[in-house]
Amino acid sequence: MSFHSNFQSDRCPGAITGNPLAGLTEKVCIQAEKIFDACIKQTQLENYVLTLTDLTPEGPTYPLTFISARSLSAEATVSNLNIERQPDKPCARVQATVSVPVEVLYTDAAGVDGSATATVSITQDVLLFVPAPSIMPYTVRAVASVVAPEAVFNAADNTFTASLCVTVILKIAMPVELLVPTYGYCAIPPCQEYSQEVCAGFFELPLYPQGGRGGGCCK
């Protein structure tokens, strides 16, 4: 059992009565990351050069045959950040470079499978809402996903030239303390132990044969 399967109507009376205030027990202060604004950009990059580092195992036999490449983490690094507020508008021009680490899988000329890392950098130039100046600063964060469906090996410098499918989400975020109404504490359900049930089919058999005759041959 988990939170996902542990919904009970008495924990959220407002869902039954139609009154969102029904069943509220208190107001609490929680720490959270507030997202003031965010946008998503999906693009296809052609002829992007992947420079390989941290090759494993070391010293592969060239040339390399491309297998796949993709980002292994959603977190991306934001650099070269420039924010330009627009006159008489709540939005600001946000310019940044978003860098995403990717893992590249390949097979070398000796048939040995290997992997390497590379970095994909994407320039962002977008409009986002930026909050007014305050004591607590906001930050510009990015999450991203990169997949390379195909790539060609460059023997001149031991790189891959790839076609990339890139998704970048840029966020204006700030850690804040929010006052929210609650229905009280969550009820923690007991864990359901995993068992492989290797004997389940055997134990479901009847103890003795069913429907058979005894005392002689079938007639």
Protein backbone atom coordinates (compact mmCIF):
# COMPACT_ATOMS: atom_id res chain seq x y z
CA MET A 1 0.00 0.00 0.00
CA SER A 2 1.22 3.54 -0.71
CA PHE A 3 0.01 7.14 -0.74
CA HIS A 4 -1.18 6.62 -4.32
CA SER A 5 -3.65 3.90 -3.29
CA ASN A 6 -4.52 5.24 0.15
CA PHE A 7 -7.20 7.82 -0.71
CA GLN A 8 -10.13 7.92 1.68
CA SER A 9 -13.03 10.32 1.34
CA ASP A 10 -13.00 11.31 5.04
CA ARG A 11 -9.54 12.80 4.60
CA CYS A 12 -10.81 15.34 2.09
CA PRO A 13 -14.41 16.21 3.02
CA GLY A 14 -14.43 19.14 0.62
CA ALA A 15 -14.29 16.71 -2.28
CA ILE A 16 -17.61 15.22 -1.12
CA THR A 17 -19.51 18.27 0.09
CA GLY A 18 -18.32 20.63 -2.61
CA ASN A 19 -17.15 23.05 0.09
CA PRO A 20 -13.35 23.47 -0.16
CA LEU A 21 -13.22 24.69 3.46
CA ALA A 22 -14.96 21.63 4.93
CA GLY A 23 -12.72 19.61 7.23
CA LEU A 24 -9.92 22.18 7.46
CA THR A 25 -8.19 21.87 10.82
CA GLU A 26 -5.42 24.46 10.83
CA LYS A 27 -3.16 26.82 8.91
CA VAL A 28 0.51 25.92 8.65
CA CYS A 29 3.66 27.52 7.34
CA ILE A 30 5.55 25.35 4.85
CA GLN A 31 8.89 25.79 3.11
CA ALA A 32 8.64 25.44 -0.65
CA GLU A 33 10.17 26.54 -3.91
CA LYS A 34 7.83 28.98 -5.62
CA ILE A 35 7.96 29.03 -9.42
CA PHE A 36 7.06 32.56 -10.52
CA ASP A 37 7.17 31.68 -14.21
CA ALA A 38 8.40 28.93 -16.53
CA CYS A 39 8.48 28.11 -20.21
CA ILE A 40 9.37 25.09 -22.32
CA LYS A 41 11.26 25.06 -25.58
CA GLN A 42 11.71 22.02 -27.79
CA THR A 43 14.05 22.13 -30.74
CA GLN A 44 16.00 19.91 -33.10
CA LEU A 45 19.69 20.65 -33.54
CA GLU A 46 21.47 19.41 -36.65
CA ASN A 47 25.21 18.82 -37.08
CA TYR A 48 25.98 19.34 -33.40
CA VAL A 49 29.53 18.24 -32.53
CA LEU A 50 29.80 16.04 -29.42
CA THR A 51 33.28 16.28 -27.93
CA LEU A 52 33.98 13.09 -25.98
CA THR A 53 35.57 13.05 -22.53
CA ASP A 54 36.02 10.41 -19.81
CA LEU A 55 36.08 7.50 -22.24
CA THR A 56 35.45 4.12 -20.59
CA PRO A 57 37.37 1.92 -21.13
CA GLU A 58 40.32 4.16 -21.89
CA GLY A 59 42.18 3.99 -25.17
CA PRO A 60 39.50 2.64 -27.54
CA THR A 61 40.42 1.44 -31.02
CA TYR A 62 39.27 4.02 -33.55
CA PRO A 63 37.05 4.57 -35.46
CA LEU A 64 34.01 4.43 -33.17
CA THR A 65 30.53 3.33 -34.16
CA PHE A 66 27.72 5.37 -32.59
CA ILE A 67 25.05 3.53 -30.61
CA SER A 68 23.11 6.20 -28.70
CA ALA A 69 23.40 9.36 -26.64
CA ARG A 70 21.08 10.89 -24.08
CA SER A 71 21.05 12.98 -20.91
CA LEU A 72 20.95 10.91 -17.73
CA SER A 73 19.76 13.68 -15.40
CA ALA A 74 17.14 16.40 -15.78
CA GLU A 75 19.30 18.98 -14.04
CA ALA A 76 21.07 21.48 -16.30
CA THR A 77 23.57 24.27 -15.65
CA VAL A 78 22.67 27.90 -16.37
CA SER A 79 25.51 30.28 -17.31
CA ASN A 80 26.06 33.58 -19.15
CA LEU A 81 22.84 34.82 -17.57
CA ASN A 82 21.55 38.26 -18.56
CA ILE A 83 18.17 39.63 -17.44
CA GLU A 84 16.80 42.77 -19.04
CA ARG A 85 13.56 44.11 -17.60
CA GLN A 86 11.14 45.49 -20.18
CA PRO A 87 9.77 49.03 -19.72
CA ASP A 88 6.19 49.08 -18.43
CA LYS A 89 5.91 45.29 -18.65
CA PRO A 90 6.04 42.58 -15.97
CA CYS A 91 8.12 40.35 -18.24
CA ALA A 92 11.87 40.47 -18.68
CA ARG A 93 14.16 39.29 -21.43
CA VAL A 94 16.11 36.31 -20.09
CA GLN A 95 19.24 35.28 -21.97
CA ALA A 96 21.25 32.29 -20.82
CA THR A 97 23.29 29.29 -21.88
CA VAL A 98 21.88 25.98 -20.70
CA SER A 99 24.43 23.15 -20.54
CA VAL A 100 23.34 19.52 -20.35
CA PRO A 101 25.68 16.54 -19.71
CA VAL A 102 24.99 13.51 -21.92
CA GLU A 103 26.24 9.94 -22.00
CA VAL A 104 27.43 8.64 -25.38
CA LEU A 105 27.47 4.89 -26.04
CA TYR A 106 29.56 3.42 -28.85
CA THR A 107 31.41 0.36 -30.13
CA ASP A 108 35.07 0.68 -31.11
CA ALA A 109 36.81 -0.92 -34.11
CA ALA A 110 37.75 -3.96 -31.99
CA GLY A 111 34.09 -4.61 -31.13
CA VAL A 112 34.43 -3.38 -27.54
CA ASP A 113 31.46 -1.47 -26.11
CA GLY A 114 32.33 1.84 -24.48
CA SER A 115 30.86 5.05 -23.14
CA ALA A 116 31.89 8.68 -22.85
CA THR A 117 30.47 11.97 -21.67
CA ALA A 118 29.80 15.11 -23.65
CA THR A 119 28.13 18.47 -23.01
CA VAL A 120 25.34 19.99 -25.05
CA SER A 121 24.96 23.76 -24.69
CA ILE A 122 21.84 25.58 -25.86
CA THR A 123 21.33 29.36 -26.01
CA GLN A 124 18.03 30.60 -24.57
CA ASP A 125 16.54 34.03 -25.32
CA VAL A 126 13.00 34.21 -23.91
CA LEU A 127 10.50 36.42 -22.10
CA LEU A 128 9.60 35.44 -18.52
CA PHE A 129 7.88 37.11 -15.59
CA VAL A 130 10.50 38.25 -13.07
CA PRO A 131 9.34 39.30 -9.57
CA ALA A 132 10.01 42.75 -8.17
CA PRO A 133 13.24 43.28 -6.20
CA SER A 134 13.16 41.81 -2.68
CA ILE A 135 15.53 40.81 0.11
CA MET A 136 15.36 37.15 -0.96
CA PRO A 137 16.79 36.75 -4.47
CA TYR A 138 15.19 34.68 -7.19
CA THR A 139 17.17 32.21 -9.27
CA VAL A 140 16.97 31.09 -12.88
CA ARG A 141 16.95 27.30 -13.07
CA ALA A 142 16.72 24.88 -15.95
CA VAL A 143 15.81 21.26 -16.47
CA ALA A 144 16.47 19.59 -19.79
CA SER A 145 16.37 16.38 -21.78
CA VAL A 146 18.60 15.58 -24.76
CA VAL A 147 18.43 12.58 -27.10
CA ALA A 148 20.61 11.90 -30.14
CA PRO A 149 18.86 9.52 -32.57
CA GLU A 150 21.86 9.36 -34.91
CA ALA A 151 25.46 10.52 -35.19
CA VAL A 152 28.49 10.19 -37.47
CA PHE A 153 32.06 9.69 -36.24
CA ASN A 154 34.68 12.27 -37.23
CA ALA A 155 38.08 10.59 -37.54
CA ALA A 156 39.92 13.91 -37.78
CA ASP A 157 39.26 14.87 -34.14
CA ASN A 158 37.54 11.76 -32.66
CA THR A 159 34.17 13.45 -32.19
CA PHE A 160 30.61 12.67 -33.22
CA THR A 161 28.44 14.94 -35.34
CA ALA A 162 24.88 14.33 -34.15
CA SER A 163 21.26 15.26 -34.66
CA LEU A 164 19.77 16.22 -31.30
CA CYS A 165 16.23 16.41 -29.92
CA VAL A 166 16.34 18.94 -27.08
CA THR A 167 13.75 19.95 -24.48
CA VAL A 168 14.56 22.80 -22.07
CA ILE A 169 12.35 24.16 -19.28
CA LEU A 170 13.50 27.51 -17.89
CA LYS A 171 12.16 28.60 -14.47
CA ILE A 172 12.17 31.69 -12.30
CA ALA A 173 12.27 30.24 -8.78
CA MET A 174 12.69 31.31 -5.15
CA PRO A 175 12.63 29.42 -1.83
CA VAL A 176 9.74 30.86 0.22
CA GLU A 177 7.62 30.17 3.27
CA LEU A 178 3.91 29.86 2.48
CA LEU A 179 0.89 29.90 4.80
CA VAL A 180 -1.55 27.22 3.63
CA PRO A 181 -4.74 25.61 4.98
CA THR A 182 -4.47 21.90 5.78
CA TYR A 183 -6.57 18.86 6.62
CA GLY A 184 -4.03 17.77 9.23
CA TYR A 185 -1.21 15.27 8.95
CA CYS A 186 -1.04 12.57 6.32
CA ALA A 187 -1.89 9.03 7.43
CA ILE A 188 1.13 6.85 6.66
CA PRO A 189 -0.01 3.44 5.36
CA PRO A 190 1.86 0.25 6.30
CA CYS A 191 4.33 -1.05 3.72
CA GLN A 192 3.29 -4.06 1.69
CA GLU A 193 6.14 -6.54 1.68
CA TYR A 194 7.23 -7.77 -1.74
CA SER A 195 7.19 -11.54 -2.19
CA GLN A 196 7.98 -13.43 -5.34
CA GLU A 197 5.31 -16.08 -4.68
CA VAL A 198 7.37 -18.84 -6.30
CA CYS A 199 5.22 -21.56 -4.73
CA ALA A 200 1.82 -19.92 -5.39
CA GLY A 201 0.92 -22.16 -8.33
CA PHE A 202 1.93 -25.31 -6.48
CA PHE A 203 0.11 -24.44 -3.25
CA GLU A 204 -3.12 -23.79 -5.19
CA LEU A 205 -3.29 -27.43 -6.32
CA PRO A 206 -5.73 -29.67 -4.43
CA LEU A 207 -4.19 -31.83 -1.73
CA TYR A 208 -5.47 -35.04 -3.40
CA PRO A 209 -6.66 -35.71 -6.97
CA GLN A 210 -10.25 -34.66 -7.57
CA GLY A 211 -12.98 -36.62 -9.38
CA GLY A 212 -11.07 -39.88 -9.71
CA ARG A 213 -12.34 -43.42 -9.08
CA GLY A 214 -10.64 -45.91 -6.87
CA GLY A 215 -10.61 -49.66 -6.67
CA GLY A 216 -10.04 -50.76 -10.23
CA CYS A 217 -9.52 -49.81 -13.86
CA CYS A 218 -11.65 -47.28 -15.67
CA LYS A 219 -14.72 -48.74 -17.42
